[in-house]
Amino acid sequence: MLLEHEGKRPTVASSAWVAPNAVVCGDVTVGGQSRVLFGAVLTAEGGSVSIGSHSIVGAIQEGLDFPGTVFGLPRAPNQELMPQVTRRYAERFGRHRDDRVL
């Protein structure tokens, strides 16, 4: 699925392939002969994302410090961390309210 986000549309080379259940959102460029595999999500949040030619993007990723990487929050006990994560989720998802499917 290709989505326009904050007025920016993905650019996918004609020789690239995006799986039917992958998401490419916003200011994202997918280079020639590249593949965005099933379940993968590429979202430009606050900057552009560029996938070079002959690249493969899959849904499997290395272990992720989710609170730190995604929200810039230090690890903490769940009762302290979850309210902060929930607030930041609401802010981030609110930014996608006006996205358009292309």
Protein backbone atom coordinates (compact mmCIF):
# COMPACT_ATOMS: atom_id res chain seq x y z
CA MET A 1 0.00 0.00 0.00
CA LEU A 2 1.31 3.44 -0.89
CA LEU A 3 0.25 6.34 1.35
CA GLU A 4 0.61 10.08 1.00
CA HIS A 5 1.69 11.56 4.35
CA GLU A 6 1.88 15.28 5.15
CA GLY A 7 1.66 16.09 1.44
CA LYS A 8 4.55 13.79 0.47
CA ARG A 9 4.15 10.74 -1.75
CA PRO A 10 6.38 7.70 -2.06
CA THR A 11 8.46 7.30 -5.22
CA VAL A 12 8.87 3.72 -6.35
CA ALA A 13 11.04 2.90 -9.37
CA SER A 14 9.16 1.10 -12.14
CA SER A 15 11.54 -1.87 -11.81
CA ALA A 16 11.01 -2.15 -8.03
CA TRP A 17 8.40 -4.39 -6.42
CA VAL A 18 6.30 -3.70 -3.31
CA ALA A 19 4.37 -6.61 -1.79
CA PRO A 20 0.59 -6.21 -1.57
CA ASN A 21 0.61 -6.05 2.25
CA ALA A 22 3.71 -3.85 2.60
CA VAL A 23 3.31 -0.15 3.49
CA VAL A 24 5.33 2.68 1.95
CA CYS A 25 4.28 5.98 3.52
CA GLY A 26 5.33 9.57 2.87
CA ASP A 27 8.66 10.85 1.54
CA VAL A 28 10.10 7.39 0.76
CA THR A 29 12.10 6.51 -2.36
CA VAL A 30 12.50 2.88 -3.43
CA GLY A 31 15.30 2.41 -5.97
CA GLY A 32 15.36 0.29 -9.09
CA GLN A 33 15.35 -3.50 -8.86
CA SER A 34 14.57 -3.26 -5.12
CA ARG A 35 12.03 -5.37 -3.26
CA VAL A 36 9.85 -4.37 -0.30
CA LEU A 37 8.73 -7.73 1.03
CA PHE A 38 5.53 -8.93 2.68
CA GLY A 39 4.66 -7.12 5.91
CA ALA A 40 7.43 -4.54 5.64
CA VAL A 41 6.64 -0.95 6.66
CA LEU A 42 8.62 2.07 5.43
CA THR A 43 7.38 5.32 6.96
CA ALA A 44 9.04 8.72 6.63
CA GLU A 45 8.56 10.51 9.97
CA GLY A 46 10.30 13.88 10.14
CA GLY A 47 12.65 13.16 7.24
CA SER A 48 13.00 11.26 4.00
CA VAL A 49 13.79 7.56 3.63
CA SER A 50 15.75 6.29 0.64
CA ILE A 51 16.16 2.64 -0.28
CA GLY A 52 18.95 2.18 -2.82
CA SER A 53 18.86 0.11 -5.98
CA HIS A 54 18.97 -3.68 -5.71
CA SER A 55 17.92 -3.60 -2.03
CA ILE A 56 15.64 -6.01 -0.19
CA VAL A 57 13.56 -4.76 2.75
CA GLY A 58 11.90 -7.47 4.84
CA ALA A 59 9.55 -7.47 7.79
CA ILE A 60 12.05 -9.26 10.02
CA GLN A 61 14.32 -6.95 11.96
CA GLU A 62 17.00 -7.32 14.56
CA GLY A 63 16.06 -6.99 18.20
CA LEU A 64 14.79 -3.51 18.88
CA ASP A 65 14.86 -1.36 21.99
CA PHE A 66 11.36 -0.21 21.08
CA PRO A 67 10.90 2.54 23.71
CA GLY A 68 14.38 3.93 23.09
CA THR A 69 14.54 3.62 19.31
CA VAL A 70 10.98 4.62 18.46
CA PHE A 71 10.16 7.09 21.23
CA GLY A 72 13.51 8.12 22.75
CA LEU A 73 12.45 6.83 26.18
CA PRO A 74 14.71 5.02 28.64
CA ARG A 75 13.76 1.52 29.77
CA ALA A 76 11.72 1.66 32.96
CA PRO A 77 9.24 -0.50 34.85
CA ASN A 78 6.06 -1.00 32.84
CA GLN A 79 3.86 1.16 35.10
CA GLU A 80 6.19 4.13 34.45
CA LEU A 81 6.93 3.48 30.78
CA MET A 82 3.52 2.61 29.33
CA PRO A 83 1.79 5.96 30.04
CA GLN A 84 4.64 7.74 28.23
CA VAL A 85 4.57 5.29 25.29
CA THR A 86 0.78 5.64 25.03
CA ARG A 87 1.03 9.45 24.93
CA ARG A 88 3.68 9.34 22.23
CA TYR A 89 1.69 6.78 20.21
CA ALA A 90 -1.31 9.12 20.27
CA GLU A 91 0.85 12.00 19.05
CA ARG A 92 2.42 9.94 16.25
CA PHE A 93 -0.77 8.32 15.03
CA GLY A 94 -2.52 11.68 15.08
CA ARG A 95 -0.03 12.82 12.44
CA HIS A 96 -1.43 10.15 10.09
CA ARG A 97 -5.06 11.24 10.42
CA ASP A 98 -5.04 12.89 6.96
CA ASP A 99 -2.94 10.28 5.08
CA ARG A 100 -4.36 9.27 1.69
CA VAL A 101 -4.15 5.87 0.02
CA LEU A 102 -2.66 6.25 -3.46
